[in-house]
């Protein structure tokens, strides 16, 4: 009885592509395990760091507040964060799955949860960058950068798994995922 919710959440396919082609202890549960344990946790860390920095930007009396001379750099970061926010929203609304290689009709619940968390994390980054155009504080900025790099490490682990079954993807799902990873790689390069 305790296995049924787990089976519903992960939706593994017995003797499917993930079970046969992955050299992983998780077998058919590999996409669920990696997405839930690596991607979700890294995005939750980023979400928490962004919320704390926004709290510092708005309410901190101890932090020294500055105004930026030019906001062009922040506008470019906002564009990248907007693209990183749009990708999970598009995948969620258009039902584009990067884990469904068996032609199921809809995304698995673990993928929906992950996409929602990812959209909130990058949306909070976009909001934080918007706040930084008005008020800038130096405190806690390196922690947010660490959070972005932590998300990137999680995406690298996911990309490693996805590359092993690359030939099984539709072009749309593959290009959408790769473009999101490229935007996420550009973000910490520009944010340093």
N, C-alpha and C. Protein backbone atom coordinates (compact mmCIF):
# COMPACT_ATOMS: atom_id res chain seq x y z
N UNK A 1 0.81 -1.19 0.00
CA UNK A 1 0.00 0.00 0.00
C UNK A 1 0.86 1.26 0.00
N UNK A 2 1.99 1.23 0.69
CA UNK A 2 2.86 2.40 0.72
C UNK A 2 3.59 2.60 -0.60
N UNK A 3 3.64 1.57 -1.41
CA UNK A 3 4.35 1.64 -2.69
C UNK A 3 3.50 2.34 -3.75
N UNK A 4 2.19 2.28 -3.64
CA UNK A 4 1.31 2.85 -4.67
C UNK A 4 1.50 4.35 -4.88
N UNK A 5 1.57 5.19 -3.83
CA UNK A 5 1.81 6.62 -4.08
C UNK A 5 3.17 6.88 -4.72
N UNK A 6 4.17 6.11 -4.30
CA UNK A 6 5.50 6.25 -4.88
C UNK A 6 5.49 5.86 -6.36
N UNK A 7 4.78 4.78 -6.69
CA UNK A 7 4.65 4.34 -8.07
C UNK A 7 3.89 5.37 -8.89
N UNK A 8 2.83 5.96 -8.31
CA UNK A 8 2.07 6.99 -9.01
C UNK A 8 2.93 8.22 -9.25
N UNK A 9 3.72 8.62 -8.25
CA UNK A 9 4.55 9.82 -8.36
C UNK A 9 5.65 9.66 -9.41
N UNK A 10 6.29 8.50 -9.44
CA UNK A 10 7.44 8.30 -10.34
C UNK A 10 7.06 7.73 -11.71
N UNK A 11 6.00 6.97 -11.78
CA UNK A 11 5.56 6.33 -13.02
C UNK A 11 6.67 5.61 -13.77
N UNK A 12 7.31 4.64 -13.14
CA UNK A 12 8.35 3.89 -13.86
C UNK A 12 7.72 2.93 -14.86
N UNK A 13 8.43 2.66 -15.94
CA UNK A 13 7.98 1.71 -16.94
C UNK A 13 8.87 0.47 -16.81
N UNK A 14 8.26 -0.64 -16.43
CA UNK A 14 9.02 -1.88 -16.26
C UNK A 14 9.60 -2.30 -17.61
N UNK A 15 10.85 -2.67 -17.61
CA UNK A 15 11.58 -3.06 -18.83
C UNK A 15 11.55 -1.98 -19.90
N UNK A 16 11.48 -0.73 -19.47
CA UNK A 16 11.46 0.39 -20.40
C UNK A 16 12.87 0.87 -20.72
N UNK A 17 12.93 1.97 -21.42
CA UNK A 17 14.21 2.53 -21.87
C UNK A 17 15.09 2.90 -20.69
N UNK A 18 14.50 3.53 -19.67
CA UNK A 18 15.30 3.96 -18.52
C UNK A 18 15.85 2.76 -17.76
N UNK A 19 15.09 1.69 -17.66
CA UNK A 19 15.55 0.50 -16.94
C UNK A 19 16.63 -0.24 -17.72
N UNK A 20 16.51 -0.26 -19.03
CA UNK A 20 17.45 -1.03 -19.85
C UNK A 20 18.75 -0.29 -20.15
N UNK A 21 18.67 0.99 -20.41
CA UNK A 21 19.85 1.71 -20.89
C UNK A 21 20.65 2.43 -19.82
N UNK A 22 20.14 2.50 -18.61
CA UNK A 22 20.85 3.22 -17.55
C UNK A 22 21.63 2.26 -16.67
N UNK A 23 22.89 2.59 -16.44
CA UNK A 23 23.70 1.85 -15.47
C UNK A 23 23.56 2.55 -14.13
N UNK A 24 22.38 2.48 -13.59
CA UNK A 24 22.09 3.17 -12.34
C UNK A 24 21.41 2.19 -11.39
N UNK A 25 21.66 2.37 -10.12
CA UNK A 25 21.01 1.52 -9.12
C UNK A 25 19.51 1.79 -9.05
N UNK A 26 19.08 2.94 -9.54
CA UNK A 26 17.67 3.28 -9.49
C UNK A 26 16.86 2.60 -10.60
N UNK A 27 17.50 2.18 -11.67
CA UNK A 27 16.81 1.50 -12.76
C UNK A 27 15.77 2.38 -13.42
N UNK A 28 14.53 1.88 -13.45
CA UNK A 28 13.44 2.62 -14.08
C UNK A 28 13.08 3.89 -13.30
N UNK A 29 13.53 3.97 -12.06
CA UNK A 29 13.25 5.15 -11.23
C UNK A 29 14.32 6.23 -11.37
N UNK A 30 15.28 6.06 -12.26
CA UNK A 30 16.39 7.01 -12.41
C UNK A 30 15.92 8.44 -12.67
N UNK A 31 15.03 8.69 -13.65
CA UNK A 31 14.62 10.08 -13.88
C UNK A 31 13.93 10.69 -12.66
N UNK A 32 13.10 9.91 -11.99
CA UNK A 32 12.40 10.41 -10.81
C UNK A 32 13.38 10.72 -9.69
N UNK A 33 14.33 9.84 -9.47
CA UNK A 33 15.29 10.04 -8.38
C UNK A 33 16.18 11.25 -8.64
N UNK A 34 16.72 11.36 -9.84
CA UNK A 34 17.61 12.48 -10.15
C UNK A 34 16.84 13.79 -10.14
N UNK A 35 15.67 13.80 -10.75
CA UNK A 35 14.89 15.04 -10.82
C UNK A 35 14.41 15.47 -9.43
N UNK A 36 13.95 14.52 -8.63
CA UNK A 36 13.43 14.86 -7.30
C UNK A 36 14.53 15.18 -6.31
N UNK A 37 15.61 14.41 -6.33
CA UNK A 37 16.66 14.58 -5.32
C UNK A 37 17.68 15.64 -5.68
N UNK A 38 18.00 15.77 -6.94
CA UNK A 38 19.06 16.70 -7.35
C UNK A 38 18.48 18.03 -7.82
N UNK A 39 17.63 17.99 -8.81
CA UNK A 39 17.11 19.21 -9.43
C UNK A 39 16.18 19.97 -8.47
N UNK A 40 15.24 19.27 -7.86
CA UNK A 40 14.31 19.96 -6.95
C UNK A 40 15.03 20.58 -5.76
N UNK A 41 15.94 19.83 -5.16
CA UNK A 41 16.64 20.35 -3.98
C UNK A 41 17.51 21.55 -4.35
N UNK A 42 18.21 21.47 -5.48
CA UNK A 42 19.06 22.61 -5.86
C UNK A 42 18.22 23.85 -6.16
N UNK A 43 17.06 23.68 -6.79
CA UNK A 43 16.21 24.83 -7.06
C UNK A 43 15.55 25.36 -5.78
N UNK A 44 15.25 24.49 -4.84
CA UNK A 44 14.71 24.96 -3.56
C UNK A 44 15.75 25.77 -2.79
N UNK A 45 17.02 25.36 -2.87
CA UNK A 45 18.09 26.13 -2.24
C UNK A 45 18.18 27.52 -2.89
N UNK A 46 18.15 27.56 -4.22
CA UNK A 46 18.20 28.84 -4.93
C UNK A 46 17.00 29.71 -4.56
N UNK A 47 15.83 29.12 -4.47
CA UNK A 47 14.62 29.86 -4.10
C UNK A 47 14.76 30.48 -2.71
N UNK A 48 15.25 29.70 -1.76
CA UNK A 48 15.45 30.22 -0.41
C UNK A 48 16.48 31.34 -0.35
N UNK A 49 17.57 31.18 -1.08
CA UNK A 49 18.61 32.22 -1.11
C UNK A 49 18.10 33.51 -1.74
N UNK A 50 17.32 33.38 -2.81
CA UNK A 50 16.76 34.57 -3.46
C UNK A 50 15.77 35.28 -2.54
N UNK A 51 14.93 34.52 -1.84
CA UNK A 51 13.98 35.14 -0.93
C UNK A 51 14.69 35.87 0.20
N UNK A 52 15.76 35.28 0.73
CA UNK A 52 16.49 35.95 1.81
C UNK A 52 17.16 37.23 1.30
N UNK A 53 17.72 37.17 0.10
CA UNK A 53 18.35 38.38 -0.46
C UNK A 53 17.31 39.47 -0.73
N UNK A 54 16.12 39.07 -1.20
CA UNK A 54 15.06 40.06 -1.40
C UNK A 54 14.64 40.68 -0.07
N UNK A 55 14.64 39.87 0.98
CA UNK A 55 14.34 40.40 2.31
C UNK A 55 15.39 41.42 2.73
N UNK A 56 16.66 41.12 2.45
CA UNK A 56 17.72 42.08 2.75
C UNK A 56 17.56 43.37 1.93
N UNK A 57 17.18 43.21 0.67
CA UNK A 57 17.00 44.38 -0.18
C UNK A 57 15.88 45.29 0.31
N UNK A 58 14.83 44.72 0.83
CA UNK A 58 13.65 45.50 1.19
C UNK A 58 13.63 45.95 2.64
N UNK A 59 14.08 45.10 3.56
CA UNK A 59 13.79 45.38 4.97
C UNK A 59 15.01 45.56 5.85
N UNK A 60 16.19 45.26 5.39
CA UNK A 60 17.36 45.29 6.26
C UNK A 60 17.76 46.73 6.60
N UNK A 61 17.94 46.96 7.88
CA UNK A 61 18.40 48.28 8.33
C UNK A 61 19.92 48.31 8.46
N UNK A 62 20.54 47.13 8.61
CA UNK A 62 21.99 47.05 8.78
C UNK A 62 22.74 47.12 7.46
N UNK A 63 22.12 46.62 6.41
CA UNK A 63 22.80 46.56 5.11
C UNK A 63 22.94 47.95 4.51
N UNK A 64 24.11 48.21 3.96
CA UNK A 64 24.33 49.49 3.26
C UNK A 64 23.74 49.38 1.87
N UNK A 65 22.88 50.32 1.53
CA UNK A 65 22.17 50.26 0.26
C UNK A 65 22.80 51.22 -0.73
N UNK A 66 22.87 50.77 -1.97
CA UNK A 66 23.48 51.54 -3.05
C UNK A 66 22.50 51.64 -4.21
N UNK A 67 22.77 52.58 -5.08
CA UNK A 67 22.09 52.66 -6.37
C UNK A 67 23.12 52.37 -7.45
N UNK A 68 22.75 51.53 -8.40
CA UNK A 68 23.67 51.20 -9.48
C UNK A 68 23.74 52.36 -10.47
N UNK A 69 24.92 52.57 -11.04
CA UNK A 69 25.06 53.65 -12.03
C UNK A 69 24.28 53.35 -13.30
N UNK A 70 24.40 52.13 -13.75
CA UNK A 70 23.68 51.72 -14.96
C UNK A 70 23.01 50.38 -14.70
N UNK A 71 21.86 50.20 -15.29
CA UNK A 71 21.11 48.96 -15.10
C UNK A 71 21.19 48.04 -16.31
N UNK A 72 22.00 48.37 -17.30
CA UNK A 72 22.07 47.56 -18.52
C UNK A 72 22.49 46.12 -18.21
N UNK A 73 23.46 45.98 -17.33
CA UNK A 73 23.94 44.66 -16.94
C UNK A 73 22.82 43.87 -16.26
N UNK A 74 22.07 44.52 -15.38
CA UNK A 74 20.97 43.85 -14.71
C UNK A 74 19.84 43.51 -15.68
N UNK A 75 19.64 44.33 -16.68
CA UNK A 75 18.61 44.02 -17.66
C UNK A 75 18.96 42.77 -18.46
N UNK A 76 20.25 42.60 -18.77
CA UNK A 76 20.66 41.39 -19.47
C UNK A 76 20.50 40.16 -18.57
N UNK A 77 20.86 40.30 -17.29
CA UNK A 77 20.64 39.21 -16.34
C UNK A 77 19.16 38.90 -16.20
N UNK A 78 18.32 39.93 -16.22
CA UNK A 78 16.88 39.73 -16.14
C UNK A 78 16.36 38.99 -17.37
N UNK A 79 16.93 39.29 -18.53
CA UNK A 79 16.54 38.56 -19.74
C UNK A 79 16.88 37.08 -19.61
N UNK A 80 18.09 36.77 -19.14
CA UNK A 80 18.48 35.37 -18.95
C UNK A 80 17.59 34.69 -17.90
N UNK A 81 17.32 35.38 -16.80
CA UNK A 81 16.46 34.81 -15.77
C UNK A 81 15.04 34.62 -16.30
N UNK A 82 14.58 35.55 -17.13
CA UNK A 82 13.26 35.40 -17.75
C UNK A 82 13.19 34.20 -18.66
N UNK A 83 14.24 33.97 -19.44
CA UNK A 83 14.28 32.78 -20.29
C UNK A 83 14.31 31.51 -19.46
N UNK A 84 15.07 31.53 -18.37
CA UNK A 84 15.12 30.36 -17.48
C UNK A 84 13.79 30.14 -16.76
N UNK A 85 13.02 31.19 -16.57
CA UNK A 85 11.69 31.07 -15.98
C UNK A 85 10.68 30.57 -17.01
N UNK A 86 10.80 31.03 -18.23
CA UNK A 86 9.83 30.68 -19.27
C UNK A 86 9.92 29.22 -19.69
N UNK A 87 11.11 28.65 -19.70
CA UNK A 87 11.28 27.27 -20.18
C UNK A 87 10.47 26.27 -19.37
N UNK A 88 10.54 26.25 -18.03
CA UNK A 88 9.70 25.27 -17.32
C UNK A 88 8.21 25.56 -17.44
N UNK A 89 7.85 26.84 -17.55
CA UNK A 89 6.43 27.16 -17.70
C UNK A 89 5.91 26.66 -19.05
N UNK A 90 6.69 26.84 -20.10
CA UNK A 90 6.29 26.35 -21.42
C UNK A 90 6.21 24.83 -21.43
N UNK A 91 7.21 24.18 -20.84
CA UNK A 91 7.18 22.72 -20.79
C UNK A 91 5.99 22.21 -20.00
N UNK A 92 5.64 22.92 -18.94
CA UNK A 92 4.51 22.50 -18.11
C UNK A 92 3.18 22.71 -18.83
N UNK A 93 3.01 23.86 -19.46
CA UNK A 93 1.73 24.15 -20.12
C UNK A 93 1.56 23.40 -21.43
N UNK A 94 2.65 23.16 -22.14
CA UNK A 94 2.57 22.45 -23.43
C UNK A 94 2.75 20.94 -23.28
N UNK A 95 2.94 20.47 -22.04
CA UNK A 95 3.09 19.04 -21.75
C UNK A 95 4.28 18.43 -22.49
N UNK A 96 5.40 19.13 -22.47
CA UNK A 96 6.63 18.65 -23.11
C UNK A 96 7.48 18.02 -22.03
N UNK A 97 7.67 16.72 -22.13
CA UNK A 97 8.40 15.97 -21.12
C UNK A 97 9.77 15.58 -21.64
N UNK A 98 10.79 15.71 -20.78
CA UNK A 98 12.11 15.23 -21.18
C UNK A 98 12.37 13.83 -20.63
N UNK A 99 11.45 13.31 -19.82
CA UNK A 99 11.63 11.98 -19.26
C UNK A 99 10.72 10.94 -19.87
N UNK A 100 9.70 11.35 -20.58
CA UNK A 100 8.77 10.41 -21.16
C UNK A 100 9.28 9.95 -22.52
N UNK A 101 9.92 8.81 -22.53
CA UNK A 101 10.42 8.25 -23.78
C UNK A 101 9.53 7.11 -24.26
N UNK A 102 8.38 6.92 -23.60
CA UNK A 102 7.50 5.80 -23.93
C UNK A 102 6.17 6.24 -24.50
N UNK A 103 5.99 7.53 -24.76
CA UNK A 103 4.77 8.03 -25.39
C UNK A 103 3.57 8.08 -24.46
N UNK A 104 3.79 8.29 -23.17
CA UNK A 104 2.65 8.45 -22.26
C UNK A 104 1.97 9.77 -22.57
N UNK A 105 0.70 9.87 -22.19
CA UNK A 105 -0.10 11.02 -22.60
C UNK A 105 0.21 12.30 -21.83
N UNK A 106 0.76 12.20 -20.64
CA UNK A 106 1.04 13.41 -19.86
C UNK A 106 2.31 13.24 -19.05
N UNK A 107 2.77 14.35 -18.49
CA UNK A 107 3.98 14.32 -17.69
C UNK A 107 3.74 13.58 -16.38
N UNK A 108 4.81 13.00 -15.87
CA UNK A 108 4.74 12.34 -14.57
C UNK A 108 4.64 13.41 -13.48
N UNK A 109 4.01 13.09 -12.36
CA UNK A 109 3.89 14.08 -11.28
C UNK A 109 5.23 14.61 -10.78
N UNK A 110 6.27 13.78 -10.75
CA UNK A 110 7.57 14.28 -10.28
C UNK A 110 8.10 15.36 -11.21
N UNK A 111 7.83 15.23 -12.50
CA UNK A 111 8.30 16.24 -13.45
C UNK A 111 7.50 17.54 -13.31
N UNK A 112 6.21 17.42 -13.06
CA UNK A 112 5.39 18.62 -12.85
C UNK A 112 5.84 19.38 -11.61
N UNK A 113 6.09 18.65 -10.52
CA UNK A 113 6.56 19.28 -9.28
C UNK A 113 7.89 19.97 -9.52
N UNK A 114 8.79 19.30 -10.21
CA UNK A 114 10.11 19.86 -10.49
C UNK A 114 10.01 21.12 -11.35
N UNK A 115 9.15 21.10 -12.36
CA UNK A 115 9.00 22.27 -13.22
C UNK A 115 8.40 23.45 -12.47
N UNK A 116 7.46 23.18 -11.57
CA UNK A 116 6.87 24.26 -10.77
C UNK A 116 7.92 24.88 -9.86
N UNK A 117 8.70 24.04 -9.19
CA UNK A 117 9.76 24.55 -8.30
C UNK A 117 10.79 25.33 -9.11
N UNK A 118 11.17 24.81 -10.27
CA UNK A 118 12.15 25.49 -11.12
C UNK A 118 11.63 26.85 -11.58
N UNK A 119 10.37 26.91 -11.97
CA UNK A 119 9.78 28.18 -12.41
C UNK A 119 9.74 29.20 -11.27
N UNK A 120 9.39 28.75 -10.07
CA UNK A 120 9.39 29.65 -8.91
C UNK A 120 10.79 30.13 -8.56
N UNK A 121 11.78 29.23 -8.64
CA UNK A 121 13.16 29.61 -8.31
C UNK A 121 13.68 30.67 -9.27
N UNK A 122 13.51 30.44 -10.57
CA UNK A 122 14.00 31.42 -11.54
C UNK A 122 13.14 32.67 -11.55
N UNK A 123 11.85 32.53 -11.25
CA UNK A 123 10.99 33.71 -11.12
C UNK A 123 11.41 34.58 -9.94
N UNK A 124 11.82 33.94 -8.85
CA UNK A 124 12.31 34.72 -7.71
C UNK A 124 13.64 35.39 -8.05
N UNK A 125 14.46 34.73 -8.87
CA UNK A 125 15.70 35.36 -9.32
C UNK A 125 15.38 36.59 -10.18
N UNK A 126 14.40 36.46 -11.05
CA UNK A 126 13.97 37.58 -11.89
C UNK A 126 13.45 38.74 -11.03
N UNK A 127 12.66 38.43 -10.04
CA UNK A 127 12.15 39.46 -9.13
C UNK A 127 13.28 40.11 -8.34
N UNK A 128 14.23 39.31 -7.88
CA UNK A 128 15.37 39.85 -7.14
C UNK A 128 16.20 40.80 -8.01
N UNK A 129 16.42 40.42 -9.26
CA UNK A 129 17.17 41.29 -10.17
C UNK A 129 16.39 42.58 -10.42
N UNK A 130 15.07 42.47 -10.53
CA UNK A 130 14.25 43.67 -10.67
C UNK A 130 14.38 44.60 -9.48
N UNK A 131 14.42 44.02 -8.28
CA UNK A 131 14.61 44.84 -7.08
C UNK A 131 16.00 45.47 -7.05
N UNK A 132 17.00 44.75 -7.56
CA UNK A 132 18.36 45.28 -7.56
C UNK A 132 18.54 46.47 -8.50
N UNK A 133 17.64 46.66 -9.43
CA UNK A 133 17.74 47.85 -10.29
C UNK A 133 17.41 49.12 -9.51
N UNK A 134 16.66 48.99 -8.43
CA UNK A 134 16.29 50.14 -7.60
C UNK A 134 17.21 50.30 -6.39
N UNK A 135 17.48 49.18 -5.70
CA UNK A 135 18.31 49.18 -4.49
C UNK A 135 19.29 48.02 -4.62
N UNK A 136 20.54 48.27 -4.27
CA UNK A 136 21.54 47.21 -4.34
C UNK A 136 22.26 47.12 -3.00
N UNK A 137 22.41 45.92 -2.50
CA UNK A 137 23.20 45.69 -1.28
C UNK A 137 24.25 44.64 -1.61
N UNK A 138 25.40 44.76 -0.97
CA UNK A 138 26.48 43.80 -1.23
C UNK A 138 26.32 42.52 -0.42
N UNK A 139 25.61 42.60 0.68
CA UNK A 139 25.46 41.44 1.54
C UNK A 139 24.73 40.31 0.82
N UNK A 140 25.21 39.12 1.04
CA UNK A 140 24.56 37.88 0.61
C UNK A 140 24.61 37.62 -0.89
N UNK A 141 25.29 38.44 -1.66
CA UNK A 141 25.29 38.22 -3.11
C UNK A 141 26.07 36.97 -3.50
N UNK A 142 27.14 36.65 -2.76
CA UNK A 142 27.92 35.46 -3.11
C UNK A 142 27.17 34.18 -2.78
N UNK A 143 26.30 34.22 -1.80
CA UNK A 143 25.49 33.05 -1.48
C UNK A 143 24.52 32.75 -2.63
N UNK A 144 23.95 33.79 -3.20
CA UNK A 144 23.05 33.60 -4.34
C UNK A 144 23.83 33.05 -5.53
N UNK A 145 25.03 33.55 -5.73
CA UNK A 145 25.86 33.03 -6.82
C UNK A 145 26.20 31.56 -6.59
N UNK A 146 26.47 31.20 -5.33
CA UNK A 146 26.68 29.80 -5.01
C UNK A 146 25.44 28.98 -5.35
N UNK A 147 24.26 29.50 -5.04
CA UNK A 147 23.02 28.80 -5.36
C UNK A 147 22.85 28.57 -6.85
N UNK A 148 23.23 29.55 -7.65
CA UNK A 148 23.14 29.40 -9.11
C UNK A 148 24.12 28.33 -9.59
N UNK A 149 25.32 28.32 -9.04
CA UNK A 149 26.30 27.29 -9.42
C UNK A 149 25.83 25.92 -8.95
N UNK A 150 25.20 25.85 -7.79
CA UNK A 150 24.65 24.59 -7.27
C UNK A 150 23.57 24.06 -8.21
N UNK A 151 22.72 24.93 -8.71
CA UNK A 151 21.71 24.53 -9.70
C UNK A 151 22.40 24.02 -10.96
N UNK A 152 23.46 24.68 -11.36
CA UNK A 152 24.20 24.28 -12.56
C UNK A 152 24.82 22.90 -12.39
N UNK A 153 25.32 22.58 -11.21
CA UNK A 153 25.87 21.25 -10.95
C UNK A 153 24.76 20.20 -11.06
N UNK A 154 23.59 20.52 -10.53
CA UNK A 154 22.45 19.61 -10.67
C UNK A 154 22.05 19.41 -12.12
N UNK A 155 22.05 20.49 -12.88
CA UNK A 155 21.72 20.39 -14.31
C UNK A 155 22.78 19.58 -15.07
N UNK A 156 24.04 19.67 -14.65
CA UNK A 156 25.09 18.87 -15.28
C UNK A 156 24.86 17.39 -15.03
N UNK A 157 24.43 17.03 -13.82
CA UNK A 157 24.11 15.63 -13.53
C UNK A 157 22.93 15.17 -14.38
N UNK A 158 21.93 16.03 -14.52
CA UNK A 158 20.77 15.68 -15.34
C UNK A 158 21.16 15.56 -16.81
N UNK A 159 21.99 16.47 -17.29
CA UNK A 159 22.42 16.43 -18.68
C UNK A 159 23.21 15.17 -18.97
N UNK A 160 24.00 14.72 -18.02
CA UNK A 160 24.76 13.48 -18.18
C UNK A 160 23.82 12.29 -18.39
N UNK A 161 22.73 12.25 -17.66
CA UNK A 161 21.76 11.17 -17.82
C UNK A 161 21.01 11.29 -19.14
N UNK A 162 20.64 12.51 -19.49
CA UNK A 162 19.87 12.72 -20.71
C UNK A 162 20.71 12.42 -21.95
N UNK A 163 22.00 12.74 -21.90
CA UNK A 163 22.86 12.47 -23.06
C UNK A 163 22.99 10.98 -23.35
N UNK A 164 22.81 10.14 -22.35
CA UNK A 164 22.93 8.70 -22.58
C UNK A 164 21.77 8.15 -23.41
N UNK A 165 20.65 8.86 -23.45
CA UNK A 165 19.51 8.43 -24.26
C UNK A 165 19.11 9.52 -25.25
N UNK A 166 20.05 10.32 -25.68
CA UNK A 166 19.82 11.48 -26.54
C UNK A 166 19.08 11.13 -27.83
N UNK A 167 19.39 9.99 -28.43
CA UNK A 167 18.79 9.63 -29.71
C UNK A 167 17.31 9.28 -29.61
N UNK A 168 16.77 9.16 -28.43
CA UNK A 168 15.36 8.81 -28.24
C UNK A 168 14.45 10.02 -28.08
N UNK A 169 15.01 11.22 -28.05
CA UNK A 169 14.22 12.42 -27.79
C UNK A 169 13.65 13.02 -29.07
N UNK A 170 12.51 13.69 -28.91
CA UNK A 170 11.99 14.50 -30.01
C UNK A 170 12.85 15.75 -30.11
N UNK A 171 12.89 16.34 -31.27
CA UNK A 171 13.71 17.54 -31.47
C UNK A 171 13.28 18.69 -30.57
N UNK A 172 11.98 18.87 -30.43
CA UNK A 172 11.47 19.97 -29.62
C UNK A 172 11.91 19.84 -28.16
N UNK A 173 11.72 18.66 -27.59
CA UNK A 173 12.11 18.45 -26.18
C UNK A 173 13.61 18.62 -26.01
N UNK A 174 14.39 18.10 -26.94
CA UNK A 174 15.85 18.19 -26.84
C UNK A 174 16.33 19.63 -26.95
N UNK A 175 15.86 20.36 -27.96
CA UNK A 175 16.30 21.74 -28.15
C UNK A 175 15.83 22.65 -27.02
N UNK A 176 14.64 22.40 -26.52
CA UNK A 176 14.15 23.21 -25.41
C UNK A 176 15.00 22.99 -24.16
N UNK A 177 15.34 21.74 -23.88
CA UNK A 177 16.16 21.46 -22.70
C UNK A 177 17.56 22.04 -22.86
N UNK A 178 18.17 21.85 -24.01
CA UNK A 178 19.53 22.34 -24.23
C UNK A 178 19.57 23.87 -24.19
N UNK A 179 18.56 24.54 -24.75
CA UNK A 179 18.56 26.00 -24.70
C UNK A 179 18.43 26.51 -23.27
N UNK A 180 17.65 25.81 -22.44
CA UNK A 180 17.54 26.20 -21.03
C UNK A 180 18.86 26.01 -20.30
N UNK A 181 19.55 24.92 -20.59
CA UNK A 181 20.85 24.68 -19.96
C UNK A 181 21.86 25.74 -20.40
N UNK A 182 21.83 26.13 -21.66
CA UNK A 182 22.74 27.18 -22.15
C UNK A 182 22.46 28.50 -21.44
N UNK A 183 21.19 28.85 -21.27
CA UNK A 183 20.85 30.08 -20.53
C UNK A 183 21.32 30.00 -19.08
N UNK A 184 21.19 28.81 -18.48
CA UNK A 184 21.62 28.65 -17.10
C UNK A 184 23.14 28.68 -16.97
N UNK A 185 23.85 28.26 -18.01
CA UNK A 185 25.32 28.35 -18.00
C UNK A 185 25.75 29.81 -18.17
N UNK A 186 25.07 30.54 -19.03
CA UNK A 186 25.42 31.96 -19.26
C UNK A 186 25.14 32.81 -18.02
N UNK A 187 24.15 32.43 -17.24
CA UNK A 187 23.77 33.25 -16.09
C UNK A 187 24.89 33.40 -15.07
N UNK A 188 25.51 32.33 -14.58
CA UNK A 188 26.61 32.56 -13.61
C UNK A 188 27.84 33.17 -14.24
N UNK A 189 28.04 32.96 -15.54
CA UNK A 189 29.17 33.60 -16.20
C UNK A 189 29.01 35.11 -16.21
N UNK A 190 27.78 35.58 -16.41
CA UNK A 190 27.51 37.01 -16.41
C UNK A 190 27.33 37.57 -15.00
N UNK A 191 26.97 36.73 -14.06
CA UNK A 191 26.64 37.17 -12.71
C UNK A 191 27.87 37.35 -11.84
N UNK A 192 29.06 36.94 -12.30
CA UNK A 192 30.27 37.07 -11.48
C UNK A 192 30.82 38.42 -11.48
